[in-house]
Amino acid sequence: MNPEDCLIVITNLPDRPSADRLARHLVGARLAACANILSPCHSVYRWEGKVETAEEIPMLLKTTRRNYPALESSLRDAHPYEVPEILAFEAGGLPAYLDWVAAETGGES
């Protein structure tokens, strides 16, 4: 797999149970090879003209460029937020790991 074909997608969830459900759904559907559910963080953001704060659960998803459209669609459908944070970044790395990501998401290694 070409290194530029691997993506890391970041999203935040309101609580651990919703993060667990979403992670299991995405990995089970082979849209992501892995989901890392991180420790809670304190977020400060502007929403509907006001500065808001919330405790959120960040999640990192490993996927491929080919699977990104389906992953984004599934995230949007299953996410509890009206406008979820969905950010995707190219991810280079260990070739064997990148091949594993491709294989686990239904692609060729």
C-alpha atoms as a PDB file:
ATOM      1  CA  MET A   1       0.000   0.000   0.000  1.00  0.00           C
ATOM      2  CA  ASN A   2       1.239   3.494  -0.767  1.00  0.00           C
ATOM      3  CA  PRO A   3       1.813   5.464   2.453  1.00  0.00           C
ATOM      4  CA  GLU A   4      -0.375   8.319   1.191  1.00  0.00           C
ATOM      5  CA  ASP A   5      -3.321   5.905   0.922  1.00  0.00           C
ATOM      6  CA  CYS A   6      -3.556   5.498   4.716  1.00  0.00           C
ATOM      7  CA  LEU A   7      -5.586   8.041   6.689  1.00  0.00           C
ATOM      8  CA  ILE A   8      -6.052   8.857  10.349  1.00  0.00           C
ATOM      9  CA  VAL A   9      -9.525  10.229  11.025  1.00  0.00           C
ATOM     10  CA  ILE A  10     -10.242  12.154  14.221  1.00  0.00           C
ATOM     11  CA  THR A  11     -13.634  12.579  15.833  1.00  0.00           C
ATOM     12  CA  ASN A  12     -14.925  13.392  19.328  1.00  0.00           C
ATOM     13  CA  LEU A  13     -17.823  11.761  21.162  1.00  0.00           C
ATOM     14  CA  PRO A  14     -19.789  12.981  24.174  1.00  0.00           C
ATOM     15  CA  ASP A  15     -19.110   9.911  26.340  1.00  0.00           C
ATOM     16  CA  ARG A  16     -17.312   6.558  26.505  1.00  0.00           C
ATOM     17  CA  PRO A  17     -20.363   4.347  25.736  1.00  0.00           C
ATOM     18  CA  SER A  18     -21.126   6.220  22.501  1.00  0.00           C
ATOM     19  CA  ALA A  19     -17.430   6.068  21.541  1.00  0.00           C
ATOM     20  CA  ASP A  20     -17.355   2.305  22.169  1.00  0.00           C
ATOM     21  CA  ARG A  21     -20.525   1.730  20.122  1.00  0.00           C
ATOM     22  CA  LEU A  22     -19.287   3.815  17.199  1.00  0.00           C
ATOM     23  CA  ALA A  23     -15.815   2.237  17.240  1.00  0.00           C
ATOM     24  CA  ARG A  24     -17.235  -1.298  17.230  1.00  0.00           C
ATOM     25  CA  HIS A  25     -19.620  -0.393  14.402  1.00  0.00           C
ATOM     26  CA  LEU A  26     -16.883   1.111  12.198  1.00  0.00           C
ATOM     27  CA  VAL A  27     -14.329  -1.661  12.810  1.00  0.00           C
ATOM     28  CA  GLY A  28     -17.020  -4.337  12.478  1.00  0.00           C
ATOM     29  CA  ALA A  29     -18.083  -2.887   9.117  1.00  0.00           C
ATOM     30  CA  ARG A  30     -14.402  -2.870   8.033  1.00  0.00           C
ATOM     31  CA  LEU A  31     -14.521   0.890   7.476  1.00  0.00           C
ATOM     32  CA  ALA A  32     -11.654   1.286   9.955  1.00  0.00           C
ATOM     33  CA  ALA A  33      -8.930  -1.203  10.825  1.00  0.00           C
ATOM     34  CA  CYS A  34      -8.536   0.204  14.319  1.00  0.00           C
ATOM     35  CA  ALA A  35     -10.167   2.763  16.593  1.00  0.00           C
ATOM     36  CA  ASN A  36      -8.248   4.273  19.492  1.00  0.00           C
ATOM     37  CA  ILE A  37     -10.571   5.697  22.128  1.00  0.00           C
ATOM     38  CA  LEU A  38      -8.593   8.214  24.129  1.00  0.00           C
ATOM     39  CA  SER A  39      -8.941   9.754  27.582  1.00  0.00           C
ATOM     40  CA  PRO A  40     -11.512  12.493  28.076  1.00  0.00           C
ATOM     41  CA  CYS A  41     -10.469  15.988  27.105  1.00  0.00           C
ATOM     42  CA  HIS A  42     -11.863  19.422  27.864  1.00  0.00           C
ATOM     43  CA  SER A  43     -13.030  21.126  24.659  1.00  0.00           C
ATOM     44  CA  VAL A  44     -13.681  24.844  24.205  1.00  0.00           C
ATOM     45  CA  TYR A  45     -15.472  25.824  20.995  1.00  0.00           C
ATOM     46  CA  ARG A  46     -17.867  28.321  19.469  1.00  0.00           C
ATOM     47  CA  TRP A  47     -21.327  26.960  18.651  1.00  0.00           C
ATOM     48  CA  GLU A  48     -24.316  28.985  17.495  1.00  0.00           C
ATOM     49  CA  GLY A  49     -22.634  32.270  18.466  1.00  0.00           C
ATOM     50  CA  LYS A  50     -21.618  31.265  22.005  1.00  0.00           C
ATOM     51  CA  VAL A  51     -18.425  29.934  23.515  1.00  0.00           C
ATOM     52  CA  GLU A  52     -19.173  26.463  24.898  1.00  0.00           C
ATOM     53  CA  THR A  53     -17.211  23.882  26.865  1.00  0.00           C
ATOM     54  CA  ALA A  54     -17.635  20.126  27.105  1.00  0.00           C
ATOM     55  CA  GLU A  55     -15.836  17.007  28.202  1.00  0.00           C
ATOM     56  CA  GLU A  56     -15.391  14.820  25.121  1.00  0.00           C
ATOM     57  CA  ILE A  57     -13.863  11.485  24.213  1.00  0.00           C
ATOM     58  CA  PRO A  58     -11.435  11.751  21.258  1.00  0.00           C
ATOM     59  CA  MET A  59     -11.203   8.838  18.851  1.00  0.00           C
ATOM     60  CA  LEU A  60      -8.551   8.087  16.206  1.00  0.00           C
ATOM     61  CA  LEU A  61      -9.571   5.855  13.308  1.00  0.00           C
ATOM     62  CA  LYS A  62      -7.159   4.167  10.884  1.00  0.00           C
ATOM     63  CA  THR A  63      -8.547   3.694   7.386  1.00  0.00           C
ATOM     64  CA  THR A  64      -7.695   4.065   3.720  1.00  0.00           C
ATOM     65  CA  ARG A  65      -8.404   6.812   1.241  1.00  0.00           C
ATOM     66  CA  ARG A  66     -10.600   4.324  -0.678  1.00  0.00           C
ATOM     67  CA  ASN A  67     -12.759   3.698   2.407  1.00  0.00           C
ATOM     68  CA  TYR A  68     -12.939   7.310   3.552  1.00  0.00           C
ATOM     69  CA  PRO A  69     -16.218   8.264   1.786  1.00  0.00           C
ATOM     70  CA  ALA A  70     -18.066   5.296   3.323  1.00  0.00           C
ATOM     71  CA  LEU A  71     -16.446   5.910   6.727  1.00  0.00           C
ATOM     72  CA  GLU A  72     -17.469   9.576   6.662  1.00  0.00           C
ATOM     73  CA  SER A  73     -21.021   8.691   5.660  1.00  0.00           C
ATOM     74  CA  SER A  74     -21.305   6.103   8.425  1.00  0.00           C
ATOM     75  CA  LEU A  75     -19.832   8.521  10.974  1.00  0.00           C
ATOM     76  CA  ARG A  76     -22.325  11.209   9.986  1.00  0.00           C
ATOM     77  CA  ASP A  77     -25.254   8.781  10.227  1.00  0.00           C
ATOM     78  CA  ALA A  78     -24.263   7.225  13.561  1.00  0.00           C
ATOM     79  CA  HIS A  79     -22.726  10.231  15.335  1.00  0.00           C
ATOM     80  CA  PRO A  80     -24.792  11.855  18.097  1.00  0.00           C
ATOM     81  CA  TYR A  81     -23.644  15.403  17.236  1.00  0.00           C
ATOM     82  CA  GLU A  82     -25.530  17.580  14.760  1.00  0.00           C
ATOM     83  CA  VAL A  83     -22.208  18.533  13.132  1.00  0.00           C
ATOM     84  CA  PRO A  84     -19.569  15.995  14.159  1.00  0.00           C
ATOM     85  CA  GLU A  85     -15.885  16.747  14.045  1.00  0.00           C
ATOM     86  CA  ILE A  86     -14.473  14.614  11.231  1.00  0.00           C
ATOM     87  CA  LEU A  87     -10.891  15.431  10.261  1.00  0.00           C
ATOM     88  CA  ALA A  88      -8.762  13.207   8.018  1.00  0.00           C
ATOM     89  CA  PHE A  89      -4.976  13.264   7.680  1.00  0.00           C
ATOM     90  CA  GLU A  90      -2.564  11.298   5.505  1.00  0.00           C
ATOM     91  CA  ALA A  91      -0.570   8.842   7.589  1.00  0.00           C
ATOM     92  CA  GLY A  92       2.752   7.376   6.553  1.00  0.00           C
ATOM     93  CA  GLY A  93       4.409   4.749   8.664  1.00  0.00           C
ATOM     94  CA  LEU A  94       5.677   1.220   8.965  1.00  0.00           C
ATOM     95  CA  PRO A  95       4.878  -0.527   5.663  1.00  0.00           C
ATOM     96  CA  ALA A  96       3.723  -3.714   7.411  1.00  0.00           C
ATOM     97  CA  TYR A  97       1.262  -1.690   9.536  1.00  0.00           C
ATOM     98  CA  LEU A  98      -0.052   0.189   6.511  1.00  0.00           C
ATOM     99  CA  ASP A  99      -0.548  -3.144   4.730  1.00  0.00           C
ATOM    100  CA  TRP A 100      -2.467  -4.406   7.771  1.00  0.00           C
ATOM    101  CA  VAL A 101      -4.752  -1.335   7.647  1.00  0.00           C
ATOM    102  CA  ALA A 102      -5.440  -2.013   3.970  1.00  0.00           C
ATOM    103  CA  ALA A 103      -6.103  -5.722   4.581  1.00  0.00           C
ATOM    104  CA  GLU A 104      -8.417  -5.122   7.547  1.00  0.00           C
ATOM    105  CA  THR A 105     -10.487  -2.602   5.615  1.00  0.00           C
ATOM    106  CA  GLY A 106     -11.036  -4.933   2.689  1.00  0.00           C
ATOM    107  CA  GLY A 107      -8.226  -3.688   0.484  1.00  0.00           C
ATOM    108  CA  GLU A 108      -5.175  -5.333  -0.956  1.00  0.00           C
ATOM    109  CA  SER A 109      -1.985  -5.308   1.082  1.00  0.00           C
END
